[in-house]
Amino acid sequence: MAMEQLSLEQLTRPREQVAVPQSSVEDQIVDLSQSSEAVDVTDSAVLLLSPRDRRILAFERQWFCNAGSKEAEISRQFGISPTRYFQILNGLIDDPRAMRESPQVVSRLRRLRLARRRIRGGRRHVLRNRV
């Protein structure tokens, strides 16, 4: 087994991003529900987020820089309703691939969601007298 000597320049150089063509990614995604074969889920193509999901994470990272309302910007950039956008986002922040892609954004969104759930949960336990 040969060990390769790396220079300081090679160690400090940022990793090169390898562009994976979209067609090859789609070809490598496997529907596990229909297969009885063992599938290697460590394949990098299966672990990639879709371009739409990456755009959503990027939008959440910088949306406050845009002038105007967030809902109008969602409709303009993604062509979907804000309700559908937030449904997708809610599923995305539970996805471990999203956490690997953008950990700061996903952590912030999880904290905000948990805070909103706690606030809503506290209101449900209020009993009102009906007379």
C-alpha atoms as a PDB file:
ATOM      1  CA  MET A   1       0.000   0.000   0.000  1.00  0.00           C
ATOM      2  CA  ALA A   2       1.672   3.211  -1.166  1.00  0.00           C
ATOM      3  CA  MET A   3       1.237   6.364   0.881  1.00  0.00           C
ATOM      4  CA  GLU A   4       1.079   9.597  -1.060  1.00  0.00           C
ATOM      5  CA  GLN A   5       2.833  12.686   0.261  1.00  0.00           C
ATOM      6  CA  LEU A   6       0.713  15.821   0.021  1.00  0.00           C
ATOM      7  CA  SER A   7       2.145  19.313   0.073  1.00  0.00           C
ATOM      8  CA  LEU A   8       0.765  22.067   2.287  1.00  0.00           C
ATOM      9  CA  GLU A   9      -0.682  23.731  -0.804  1.00  0.00           C
ATOM     10  CA  GLN A  10      -2.599  20.594  -1.717  1.00  0.00           C
ATOM     11  CA  LEU A  11      -3.945  20.243   1.820  1.00  0.00           C
ATOM     12  CA  THR A  12      -5.160  23.844   2.073  1.00  0.00           C
ATOM     13  CA  ARG A  13      -6.664  24.012  -1.419  1.00  0.00           C
ATOM     14  CA  PRO A  14     -10.494  23.838  -1.297  1.00  0.00           C
ATOM     15  CA  ARG A  15     -12.005  20.633  -2.558  1.00  0.00           C
ATOM     16  CA  GLU A  16     -13.067  20.665  -6.148  1.00  0.00           C
ATOM     17  CA  GLN A  17     -16.795  20.408  -6.658  1.00  0.00           C
ATOM     18  CA  VAL A  18     -17.708  17.665  -9.063  1.00  0.00           C
ATOM     19  CA  ALA A  19     -20.708  18.486 -11.204  1.00  0.00           C
ATOM     20  CA  VAL A  20     -22.998  15.502 -11.607  1.00  0.00           C
ATOM     21  CA  PRO A  21     -25.199  15.664 -14.694  1.00  0.00           C
ATOM     22  CA  GLN A  22     -28.891  15.620 -13.736  1.00  0.00           C
ATOM     23  CA  SER A  23     -29.656  12.693 -16.048  1.00  0.00           C
ATOM     24  CA  SER A  24     -27.091  10.473 -14.342  1.00  0.00           C
ATOM     25  CA  VAL A  25     -28.479  11.360 -10.919  1.00  0.00           C
ATOM     26  CA  GLU A  26     -32.011  10.447 -11.965  1.00  0.00           C
ATOM     27  CA  ASP A  27     -30.772   7.195 -13.482  1.00  0.00           C
ATOM     28  CA  GLN A  28     -29.086   6.191 -10.223  1.00  0.00           C
ATOM     29  CA  ILE A  29     -32.032   6.899  -7.899  1.00  0.00           C
ATOM     30  CA  VAL A  30     -33.647   3.604  -7.010  1.00  0.00           C
ATOM     31  CA  ASP A  31     -37.213   2.940  -5.880  1.00  0.00           C
ATOM     32  CA  LEU A  32     -36.583   0.705  -2.863  1.00  0.00           C
ATOM     33  CA  SER A  33     -40.228  -0.259  -2.449  1.00  0.00           C
ATOM     34  CA  GLN A  34     -40.264  -2.204  -5.741  1.00  0.00           C
ATOM     35  CA  SER A  35     -36.908  -3.958  -5.409  1.00  0.00           C
ATOM     36  CA  SER A  36     -35.995  -7.087  -3.491  1.00  0.00           C
ATOM     37  CA  GLU A  37     -32.265  -6.574  -4.132  1.00  0.00           C
ATOM     38  CA  ALA A  38     -29.868  -5.074  -1.635  1.00  0.00           C
ATOM     39  CA  VAL A  39     -29.089  -1.493  -2.588  1.00  0.00           C
ATOM     40  CA  ASP A  40     -25.950   0.400  -1.609  1.00  0.00           C
ATOM     41  CA  VAL A  41     -27.333   3.662  -0.214  1.00  0.00           C
ATOM     42  CA  THR A  42     -23.873   5.119   0.256  1.00  0.00           C
ATOM     43  CA  ASP A  43     -23.830   6.033  -3.436  1.00  0.00           C
ATOM     44  CA  SER A  44     -23.377   9.801  -3.616  1.00  0.00           C
ATOM     45  CA  ALA A  45     -26.006  10.286  -6.343  1.00  0.00           C
ATOM     46  CA  VAL A  46     -28.759   8.955  -4.082  1.00  0.00           C
ATOM     47  CA  LEU A  47     -27.690  11.343  -1.329  1.00  0.00           C
ATOM     48  CA  LEU A  48     -27.986  14.538  -3.400  1.00  0.00           C
ATOM     49  CA  LEU A  49     -30.745  17.098  -2.996  1.00  0.00           C
ATOM     50  CA  SER A  50     -32.763  18.081  -6.019  1.00  0.00           C
ATOM     51  CA  PRO A  51     -31.990  21.441  -7.651  1.00  0.00           C
ATOM     52  CA  ARG A  52     -35.351  22.776  -6.399  1.00  0.00           C
ATOM     53  CA  ASP A  53     -34.508  21.809  -2.817  1.00  0.00           C
ATOM     54  CA  ARG A  54     -31.115  23.504  -3.097  1.00  0.00           C
ATOM     55  CA  ARG A  55     -32.777  26.653  -4.434  1.00  0.00           C
ATOM     56  CA  ILE A  56     -35.223  26.606  -1.507  1.00  0.00           C
ATOM     57  CA  LEU A  57     -32.371  26.358   1.007  1.00  0.00           C
ATOM     58  CA  ALA A  58     -30.522  29.165  -0.770  1.00  0.00           C
ATOM     59  CA  PHE A  59     -33.679  31.283  -0.713  1.00  0.00           C
ATOM     60  CA  GLU A  60     -34.139  30.699   3.023  1.00  0.00           C
ATOM     61  CA  ARG A  61     -30.510  31.660   3.563  1.00  0.00           C
ATOM     62  CA  GLN A  62     -30.937  35.098   1.949  1.00  0.00           C
ATOM     63  CA  TRP A  63     -34.649  35.907   1.522  1.00  0.00           C
ATOM     64  CA  PHE A  64     -34.578  38.883   3.906  1.00  0.00           C
ATOM     65  CA  CYS A  65     -32.249  40.714   1.472  1.00  0.00           C
ATOM     66  CA  ASN A  66     -35.084  40.975  -1.053  1.00  0.00           C
ATOM     67  CA  ALA A  67     -37.434  43.916  -1.035  1.00  0.00           C
ATOM     68  CA  GLY A  68     -41.117  43.112  -0.676  1.00  0.00           C
ATOM     69  CA  SER A  69     -43.007  40.304   0.955  1.00  0.00           C
ATOM     70  CA  LYS A  70     -41.674  36.791   1.237  1.00  0.00           C
ATOM     71  CA  GLU A  71     -44.871  35.314  -0.231  1.00  0.00           C
ATOM     72  CA  ALA A  72     -44.615  37.441  -3.370  1.00  0.00           C
ATOM     73  CA  GLU A  73     -40.964  36.499  -3.779  1.00  0.00           C
ATOM     74  CA  ILE A  74     -41.811  32.788  -3.377  1.00  0.00           C
ATOM     75  CA  SER A  75     -44.440  32.989  -6.097  1.00  0.00           C
ATOM     76  CA  ARG A  76     -42.096  34.903  -8.383  1.00  0.00           C
ATOM     77  CA  GLN A  77     -39.010  32.706  -7.943  1.00  0.00           C
ATOM     78  CA  PHE A  78     -40.557  29.245  -7.645  1.00  0.00           C
ATOM     79  CA  GLY A  79     -43.886  29.549  -9.442  1.00  0.00           C
ATOM     80  CA  ILE A  80     -45.756  27.779  -6.615  1.00  0.00           C
ATOM     81  CA  SER A  81     -48.091  29.008  -3.915  1.00  0.00           C
ATOM     82  CA  PRO A  82     -46.589  30.021  -0.569  1.00  0.00           C
ATOM     83  CA  THR A  83     -48.600  27.245   1.102  1.00  0.00           C
ATOM     84  CA  ARG A  84     -47.023  24.591  -1.120  1.00  0.00           C
ATOM     85  CA  TYR A  85     -43.587  26.171  -0.612  1.00  0.00           C
ATOM     86  CA  PHE A  86     -43.880  25.908   3.176  1.00  0.00           C
ATOM     87  CA  GLN A  87     -45.085  22.300   2.901  1.00  0.00           C
ATOM     88  CA  ILE A  88     -41.986  21.448   0.876  1.00  0.00           C
ATOM     89  CA  LEU A  89     -39.752  23.415   3.259  1.00  0.00           C
ATOM     90  CA  ASN A  90     -41.211  21.665   6.302  1.00  0.00           C
ATOM     91  CA  GLY A  91     -40.386  18.276   4.804  1.00  0.00           C
ATOM     92  CA  LEU A  92     -36.991  19.500   3.686  1.00  0.00           C
ATOM     93  CA  ILE A  93     -35.818  20.592   7.127  1.00  0.00           C
ATOM     94  CA  ASP A  94     -36.409  17.046   8.399  1.00  0.00           C
ATOM     95  CA  ASP A  95     -34.281  15.604   5.583  1.00  0.00           C
ATOM     96  CA  PRO A  96     -30.722  14.648   6.647  1.00  0.00           C
ATOM     97  CA  ARG A  97     -29.477  15.541   3.149  1.00  0.00           C
ATOM     98  CA  ALA A  98     -30.592  19.128   3.729  1.00  0.00           C
ATOM     99  CA  MET A  99     -28.712  19.190   7.036  1.00  0.00           C
ATOM    100  CA  ARG A 100     -25.541  18.099   5.236  1.00  0.00           C
ATOM    101  CA  GLU A 101     -26.108  20.668   2.499  1.00  0.00           C
ATOM    102  CA  SER A 102     -26.802  23.690   4.707  1.00  0.00           C
ATOM    103  CA  PRO A 103     -26.574  22.953   8.452  1.00  0.00           C
ATOM    104  CA  GLN A 104     -26.912  26.545   9.679  1.00  0.00           C
ATOM    105  CA  VAL A 105     -30.087  27.233   7.723  1.00  0.00           C
ATOM    106  CA  VAL A 106     -31.706  23.916   8.639  1.00  0.00           C
ATOM    107  CA  SER A 107     -30.834  24.316  12.335  1.00  0.00           C
ATOM    108  CA  ARG A 108     -32.285  27.831  12.377  1.00  0.00           C
ATOM    109  CA  LEU A 109     -35.477  26.677  10.653  1.00  0.00           C
ATOM    110  CA  ARG A 110     -35.850  23.752  13.080  1.00  0.00           C
ATOM    111  CA  ARG A 111     -35.459  26.101  16.060  1.00  0.00           C
ATOM    112  CA  LEU A 112     -38.079  28.478  14.659  1.00  0.00           C
ATOM    113  CA  ARG A 113     -40.496  25.631  13.958  1.00  0.00           C
ATOM    114  CA  LEU A 114     -40.062  24.232  17.467  1.00  0.00           C
ATOM    115  CA  ALA A 115     -40.657  27.662  19.008  1.00  0.00           C
ATOM    116  CA  ARG A 116     -43.858  28.106  16.975  1.00  0.00           C
ATOM    117  CA  ARG A 117     -45.066  24.644  17.996  1.00  0.00           C
ATOM    118  CA  ARG A 118     -44.461  25.418  21.662  1.00  0.00           C
ATOM    119  CA  ILE A 119     -46.404  28.660  21.378  1.00  0.00           C
ATOM    120  CA  ARG A 120     -49.310  26.962  19.598  1.00  0.00           C
ATOM    121  CA  GLY A 121     -49.220  24.049  22.013  1.00  0.00           C
ATOM    122  CA  GLY A 122     -49.518  26.408  24.969  1.00  0.00           C
ATOM    123  CA  ARG A 123     -52.650  27.988  23.564  1.00  0.00           C
ATOM    124  CA  ARG A 124     -54.434  24.678  23.125  1.00  0.00           C
ATOM    125  CA  HIS A 125     -54.543  23.984  26.831  1.00  0.00           C
ATOM    126  CA  VAL A 126     -56.473  27.137  27.688  1.00  0.00           C
ATOM    127  CA  LEU A 127     -59.937  26.283  28.990  1.00  0.00           C
ATOM    128  CA  ARG A 128     -62.701  28.791  28.474  1.00  0.00           C
ATOM    129  CA  ASN A 129     -65.893  29.012  30.446  1.00  0.00           C
ATOM    130  CA  ARG A 130     -68.878  28.684  28.205  1.00  0.00           C
ATOM    131  CA  VAL A 131     -71.934  30.237  29.702  1.00  0.00           C
END
